[in-house]
Amino acid sequence: MSQTVQKIGGSSRFSAIAIKNGIIHLAGQVSQLETAGIAEQAKDVFAKVDALLEQAGSKREDMLSVQIWLADMADYEAMNLEWDAWVSNVTPPTRICVEARMAKPHYKIEVLVVSASA
């Protein structure tokens, strides 16, 4: 028997968190720091992910997979420095990182996370 989908936060367009059968799906996270560089935006986005995971009853250690989109792959190494610091105390999840055109010109990074319940 399938559990009901639990949806938390967000807007009329999308939920911030969706949970079903112990699997947590977060909406893509971007930074609103319009003049920030990739390091600052990455830190901001990873902090948003932490807050959403906590709200969903999970934590960084329970992440299953992470998808990262960068506006410019020239930012890959700088983003990885922030990523490495962020996951330094956990076994990292599976991950992809690709370049993509972003929805707004100031977005340098977008992150999508799937996690297990804690």
N, C-alpha and C. Protein backbone atom coordinates (compact mmCIF):
# COMPACT_ATOMS: atom_id res chain seq x y z
N MET A 1 0.84 -1.17 0.00
CA MET A 1 0.00 0.00 0.00
C MET A 1 0.89 1.25 0.00
N SER A 2 0.64 2.14 -0.89
CA SER A 2 1.45 3.33 -1.07
C SER A 2 1.06 4.43 -0.09
N GLN A 3 2.07 5.12 0.41
CA GLN A 3 1.83 6.25 1.31
C GLN A 3 1.42 7.48 0.50
N THR A 4 0.74 8.40 1.17
CA THR A 4 0.38 9.67 0.57
C THR A 4 1.63 10.51 0.38
N VAL A 5 1.64 11.32 -0.64
CA VAL A 5 2.74 12.25 -0.85
C VAL A 5 2.53 13.43 0.08
N GLN A 6 3.57 13.75 0.84
CA GLN A 6 3.54 14.91 1.73
C GLN A 6 4.29 16.04 1.04
N LYS A 7 3.66 17.20 0.96
CA LYS A 7 4.31 18.35 0.33
C LYS A 7 4.40 19.47 1.35
N ILE A 8 5.56 20.13 1.36
CA ILE A 8 5.84 21.16 2.35
C ILE A 8 6.36 22.41 1.65
N GLY A 9 5.82 23.55 2.00
CA GLY A 9 6.33 24.84 1.54
C GLY A 9 6.26 25.04 0.05
N GLY A 10 6.92 26.08 -0.38
CA GLY A 10 6.97 26.40 -1.79
C GLY A 10 6.00 27.50 -2.15
N SER A 11 5.38 27.36 -3.31
CA SER A 11 4.49 28.39 -3.83
C SER A 11 3.35 27.72 -4.59
N SER A 12 2.53 28.50 -5.26
CA SER A 12 1.46 27.93 -6.08
C SER A 12 2.03 27.21 -7.30
N ARG A 13 3.28 27.47 -7.63
CA ARG A 13 3.91 26.86 -8.80
C ARG A 13 4.58 25.52 -8.49
N PHE A 14 5.21 25.40 -7.29
CA PHE A 14 5.91 24.16 -6.94
C PHE A 14 6.06 24.05 -5.43
N SER A 15 6.22 22.82 -4.96
CA SER A 15 6.48 22.56 -3.55
C SER A 15 7.98 22.66 -3.29
N ALA A 16 8.35 23.09 -2.10
CA ALA A 16 9.76 23.14 -1.72
C ALA A 16 10.28 21.74 -1.42
N ILE A 17 9.40 20.92 -0.82
CA ILE A 17 9.76 19.56 -0.41
C ILE A 17 8.60 18.63 -0.75
N ALA A 18 8.91 17.47 -1.29
CA ALA A 18 7.91 16.41 -1.49
C ALA A 18 8.51 15.12 -0.92
N ILE A 19 7.70 14.41 -0.12
CA ILE A 19 8.17 13.19 0.55
C ILE A 19 7.20 12.05 0.26
N LYS A 20 7.75 10.93 -0.15
CA LYS A 20 6.94 9.73 -0.36
C LYS A 20 7.80 8.51 -0.07
N ASN A 21 7.23 7.58 0.69
CA ASN A 21 7.92 6.32 1.02
C ASN A 21 9.32 6.56 1.58
N GLY A 22 9.48 7.60 2.39
CA GLY A 22 10.76 7.87 3.03
C GLY A 22 11.79 8.53 2.15
N ILE A 23 11.41 8.91 0.94
CA ILE A 23 12.34 9.59 0.02
C ILE A 23 11.92 11.05 -0.08
N ILE A 24 12.89 11.92 0.12
CA ILE A 24 12.66 13.37 0.15
C ILE A 24 13.22 13.97 -1.14
N HIS A 25 12.37 14.73 -1.83
CA HIS A 25 12.78 15.43 -3.05
C HIS A 25 12.70 16.92 -2.75
N LEU A 26 13.80 17.62 -2.93
CA LEU A 26 13.82 19.06 -2.74
C LEU A 26 13.70 19.75 -4.10
N ALA A 27 13.02 20.90 -4.10
CA ALA A 27 13.00 21.73 -5.30
C ALA A 27 14.42 22.24 -5.56
N GLY A 28 14.71 22.58 -6.79
CA GLY A 28 16.01 23.15 -7.11
C GLY A 28 16.25 24.42 -6.30
N GLN A 29 17.45 24.56 -5.78
CA GLN A 29 17.80 25.71 -4.94
C GLN A 29 18.78 26.62 -5.67
N VAL A 30 18.46 27.91 -5.64
CA VAL A 30 19.32 28.93 -6.26
C VAL A 30 19.59 30.01 -5.22
N SER A 31 20.55 30.85 -5.50
CA SER A 31 20.89 31.95 -4.61
C SER A 31 20.30 33.25 -5.13
N GLN A 32 19.80 34.05 -4.20
CA GLN A 32 19.29 35.38 -4.55
C GLN A 32 20.37 36.45 -4.36
N LEU A 33 21.61 36.03 -4.08
CA LEU A 33 22.72 36.97 -3.92
C LEU A 33 23.18 37.42 -5.30
N GLU A 34 22.56 38.47 -5.81
CA GLU A 34 22.73 38.85 -7.21
C GLU A 34 24.14 39.25 -7.61
N THR A 35 24.90 39.83 -6.71
CA THR A 35 26.25 40.28 -7.08
C THR A 35 27.34 39.35 -6.57
N ALA A 36 26.95 38.23 -5.98
CA ALA A 36 27.92 37.29 -5.40
C ALA A 36 28.58 36.44 -6.47
N GLY A 37 29.78 35.99 -6.16
CA GLY A 37 30.48 35.05 -7.03
C GLY A 37 30.03 33.63 -6.75
N ILE A 38 30.62 32.69 -7.44
CA ILE A 38 30.20 31.30 -7.32
C ILE A 38 30.41 30.77 -5.90
N ALA A 39 31.49 31.11 -5.23
CA ALA A 39 31.73 30.59 -3.88
C ALA A 39 30.61 31.01 -2.93
N GLU A 40 30.27 32.28 -2.96
CA GLU A 40 29.23 32.78 -2.07
C GLU A 40 27.87 32.19 -2.42
N GLN A 41 27.57 32.10 -3.73
CA GLN A 41 26.30 31.51 -4.13
C GLN A 41 26.23 30.03 -3.76
N ALA A 42 27.32 29.30 -3.93
CA ALA A 42 27.33 27.88 -3.58
C ALA A 42 27.10 27.71 -2.08
N LYS A 43 27.80 28.48 -1.25
CA LYS A 43 27.59 28.41 0.21
C LYS A 43 26.14 28.70 0.56
N ASP A 44 25.57 29.71 -0.08
CA ASP A 44 24.18 30.09 0.17
C ASP A 44 23.24 28.95 -0.20
N VAL A 45 23.44 28.35 -1.36
CA VAL A 45 22.58 27.26 -1.83
C VAL A 45 22.73 26.04 -0.92
N PHE A 46 23.95 25.70 -0.54
CA PHE A 46 24.15 24.53 0.33
C PHE A 46 23.51 24.76 1.70
N ALA A 47 23.53 25.99 2.19
CA ALA A 47 22.84 26.31 3.45
C ALA A 47 21.33 26.16 3.30
N LYS A 48 20.79 26.55 2.16
CA LYS A 48 19.35 26.36 1.90
C LYS A 48 19.00 24.88 1.88
N VAL A 49 19.85 24.07 1.26
CA VAL A 49 19.62 22.63 1.23
C VAL A 49 19.61 22.08 2.66
N ASP A 50 20.59 22.47 3.47
CA ASP A 50 20.63 22.02 4.86
C ASP A 50 19.33 22.36 5.59
N ALA A 51 18.84 23.58 5.42
CA ALA A 51 17.62 24.02 6.10
C ALA A 51 16.41 23.20 5.63
N LEU A 52 16.31 22.95 4.34
CA LEU A 52 15.19 22.16 3.82
C LEU A 52 15.27 20.71 4.29
N LEU A 53 16.47 20.14 4.30
CA LEU A 53 16.62 18.78 4.79
C LEU A 53 16.17 18.69 6.24
N GLU A 54 16.58 19.64 7.05
CA GLU A 54 16.18 19.66 8.46
C GLU A 54 14.66 19.77 8.58
N GLN A 55 14.06 20.63 7.78
CA GLN A 55 12.62 20.81 7.80
C GLN A 55 11.90 19.50 7.42
N ALA A 56 12.51 18.72 6.55
CA ALA A 56 11.93 17.46 6.09
C ALA A 56 12.25 16.30 7.02
N GLY A 57 13.04 16.56 8.06
CA GLY A 57 13.41 15.48 8.98
C GLY A 57 14.58 14.66 8.49
N SER A 58 15.46 15.27 7.74
CA SER A 58 16.62 14.57 7.19
C SER A 58 17.87 15.40 7.48
N LYS A 59 18.97 14.95 6.93
CA LYS A 59 20.24 15.67 7.11
C LYS A 59 21.18 15.33 5.95
N ARG A 60 22.25 16.07 5.90
CA ARG A 60 23.21 15.91 4.80
C ARG A 60 23.70 14.47 4.63
N GLU A 61 23.87 13.76 5.74
CA GLU A 61 24.36 12.39 5.70
C GLU A 61 23.42 11.45 4.96
N ASP A 62 22.14 11.83 4.85
CA ASP A 62 21.13 10.98 4.22
C ASP A 62 20.89 11.29 2.75
N MET A 63 21.64 12.24 2.19
CA MET A 63 21.45 12.57 0.77
C MET A 63 21.79 11.36 -0.09
N LEU A 64 20.93 11.09 -1.06
CA LEU A 64 21.16 9.99 -1.99
C LEU A 64 21.82 10.48 -3.27
N SER A 65 21.28 11.57 -3.82
CA SER A 65 21.85 12.09 -5.06
C SER A 65 21.68 13.61 -5.11
N VAL A 66 22.62 14.24 -5.80
CA VAL A 66 22.62 15.69 -5.97
C VAL A 66 22.91 15.99 -7.44
N GLN A 67 22.09 16.88 -7.98
CA GLN A 67 22.32 17.38 -9.34
C GLN A 67 22.71 18.85 -9.22
N ILE A 68 23.79 19.23 -9.87
CA ILE A 68 24.27 20.60 -9.84
C ILE A 68 24.34 21.13 -11.26
N TRP A 69 23.76 22.31 -11.45
CA TRP A 69 23.85 23.02 -12.72
C TRP A 69 24.65 24.29 -12.48
N LEU A 70 25.63 24.54 -13.31
CA LEU A 70 26.43 25.76 -13.26
C LEU A 70 26.16 26.58 -14.52
N ALA A 71 26.08 27.88 -14.37
CA ALA A 71 25.90 28.75 -15.53
C ALA A 71 27.15 28.74 -16.40
N ASP A 72 28.30 28.47 -15.78
CA ASP A 72 29.57 28.50 -16.50
C ASP A 72 30.49 27.45 -15.89
N MET A 73 30.91 26.46 -16.67
CA MET A 73 31.79 25.41 -16.16
C MET A 73 33.15 25.95 -15.74
N ALA A 74 33.46 27.19 -16.07
CA ALA A 74 34.69 27.79 -15.56
C ALA A 74 34.62 27.92 -14.03
N ASP A 75 33.41 27.86 -13.46
CA ASP A 75 33.22 27.93 -12.00
C ASP A 75 33.32 26.57 -11.32
N TYR A 76 33.58 25.52 -12.08
CA TYR A 76 33.57 24.15 -11.55
C TYR A 76 34.53 23.96 -10.37
N GLU A 77 35.76 24.38 -10.52
CA GLU A 77 36.74 24.17 -9.45
C GLU A 77 36.39 24.97 -8.20
N ALA A 78 35.98 26.22 -8.37
CA ALA A 78 35.60 27.05 -7.22
C ALA A 78 34.37 26.48 -6.51
N MET A 79 33.40 25.98 -7.29
CA MET A 79 32.23 25.35 -6.69
C MET A 79 32.65 24.10 -5.93
N ASN A 80 33.55 23.31 -6.51
CA ASN A 80 34.00 22.08 -5.85
C ASN A 80 34.70 22.36 -4.52
N LEU A 81 35.38 23.48 -4.40
CA LEU A 81 35.98 23.82 -3.10
C LEU A 81 34.90 23.97 -2.04
N GLU A 82 33.79 24.60 -2.38
CA GLU A 82 32.68 24.76 -1.44
C GLU A 82 31.98 23.43 -1.20
N TRP A 83 31.80 22.65 -2.27
CA TRP A 83 31.19 21.33 -2.15
C TRP A 83 32.00 20.45 -1.21
N ASP A 84 33.32 20.40 -1.44
CA ASP A 84 34.19 19.54 -0.62
C ASP A 84 34.11 19.92 0.85
N ALA A 85 34.06 21.20 1.15
CA ALA A 85 33.92 21.64 2.55
C ALA A 85 32.56 21.23 3.10
N TRP A 86 31.53 21.35 2.28
CA TRP A 86 30.16 21.05 2.71
C TRP A 86 29.96 19.57 3.01
N VAL A 87 30.55 18.68 2.22
CA VAL A 87 30.37 17.24 2.42
C VAL A 87 31.55 16.59 3.14
N SER A 88 32.45 17.39 3.71
CA SER A 88 33.68 16.86 4.29
C SER A 88 33.44 15.88 5.44
N ASN A 89 32.33 16.01 6.16
CA ASN A 89 32.09 15.15 7.31
C ASN A 89 31.09 14.03 7.03
N VAL A 90 30.74 13.82 5.76
CA VAL A 90 29.77 12.78 5.41
C VAL A 90 30.29 12.00 4.21
N THR A 91 29.75 10.81 4.03
CA THR A 91 30.00 10.09 2.78
C THR A 91 29.19 10.79 1.71
N PRO A 92 29.82 11.29 0.68
CA PRO A 92 29.09 12.09 -0.30
C PRO A 92 28.06 11.26 -1.08
N PRO A 93 27.00 11.93 -1.53
CA PRO A 93 25.99 11.25 -2.35
C PRO A 93 26.50 11.09 -3.78
N THR A 94 25.71 10.41 -4.60
CA THR A 94 26.01 10.42 -6.03
C THR A 94 25.79 11.84 -6.52
N ARG A 95 26.45 12.20 -7.62
CA ARG A 95 26.36 13.60 -8.06
C ARG A 95 26.62 13.72 -9.54
N ILE A 96 25.94 14.67 -10.15
CA ILE A 96 26.30 15.12 -11.49
C ILE A 96 26.48 16.63 -11.43
N CYS A 97 27.24 17.16 -12.35
CA CYS A 97 27.41 18.61 -12.46
C CYS A 97 27.54 18.92 -13.94
N VAL A 98 26.64 19.79 -14.42
CA VAL A 98 26.63 20.15 -15.82
C VAL A 98 26.46 21.66 -15.98
N GLU A 99 26.75 22.15 -17.15
CA GLU A 99 26.52 23.56 -17.47
C GLU A 99 25.14 23.71 -18.09
N ALA A 100 24.44 24.77 -17.69
CA ALA A 100 23.11 25.01 -18.23
C ALA A 100 22.81 26.51 -18.21
N ARG A 101 21.95 26.93 -19.12
CA ARG A 101 21.47 28.30 -19.09
C ARG A 101 20.49 28.42 -17.92
N MET A 102 20.66 29.43 -17.09
CA MET A 102 19.84 29.59 -15.90
C MET A 102 18.61 30.45 -16.17
N ALA A 103 17.63 30.33 -15.28
CA ALA A 103 16.37 31.06 -15.42
C ALA A 103 16.54 32.56 -15.24
N LYS A 104 17.52 32.98 -14.45
CA LYS A 104 17.81 34.40 -14.25
C LYS A 104 19.30 34.63 -14.45
N PRO A 105 19.68 35.78 -14.96
CA PRO A 105 21.09 36.00 -15.30
C PRO A 105 22.05 35.97 -14.12
N HIS A 106 21.59 36.28 -12.91
CA HIS A 106 22.51 36.29 -11.77
C HIS A 106 22.70 34.91 -11.14
N TYR A 107 21.88 33.91 -11.51
CA TYR A 107 22.06 32.56 -10.97
C TYR A 107 23.34 31.97 -11.54
N LYS A 108 24.23 31.56 -10.66
CA LYS A 108 25.46 30.89 -11.08
C LYS A 108 25.40 29.39 -10.84
N ILE A 109 24.48 28.97 -9.94
CA ILE A 109 24.39 27.57 -9.54
C ILE A 109 22.94 27.25 -9.16
N GLU A 110 22.52 26.03 -9.49
CA GLU A 110 21.26 25.48 -9.00
C GLU A 110 21.53 24.06 -8.55
N VAL A 111 20.94 23.68 -7.43
CA VAL A 111 21.19 22.36 -6.83
C VAL A 111 19.87 21.66 -6.55
N LEU A 112 19.77 20.41 -6.95
CA LEU A 112 18.59 19.57 -6.72
C LEU A 112 19.03 18.36 -5.91
N VAL A 113 18.31 18.07 -4.81
CA VAL A 113 18.70 16.99 -3.90
C VAL A 113 17.57 15.98 -3.72
N VAL A 114 17.95 14.70 -3.69
CA VAL A 114 17.08 13.63 -3.28
C VAL A 114 17.73 13.00 -2.06
N SER A 115 16.94 12.81 -1.00
CA SER A 115 17.49 12.32 0.26
C SER A 115 16.58 11.27 0.87
N ALA A 116 17.13 10.45 1.73
CA ALA A 116 16.34 9.51 2.50
C ALA A 116 15.92 10.17 3.80
N SER A 117 14.84 9.71 4.38
CA SER A 117 14.45 10.20 5.70
C SER A 117 15.49 9.76 6.71
N ALA A 118 15.68 10.59 7.72
CA ALA A 118 16.68 10.28 8.76
C ALA A 118 16.21 9.12 9.62
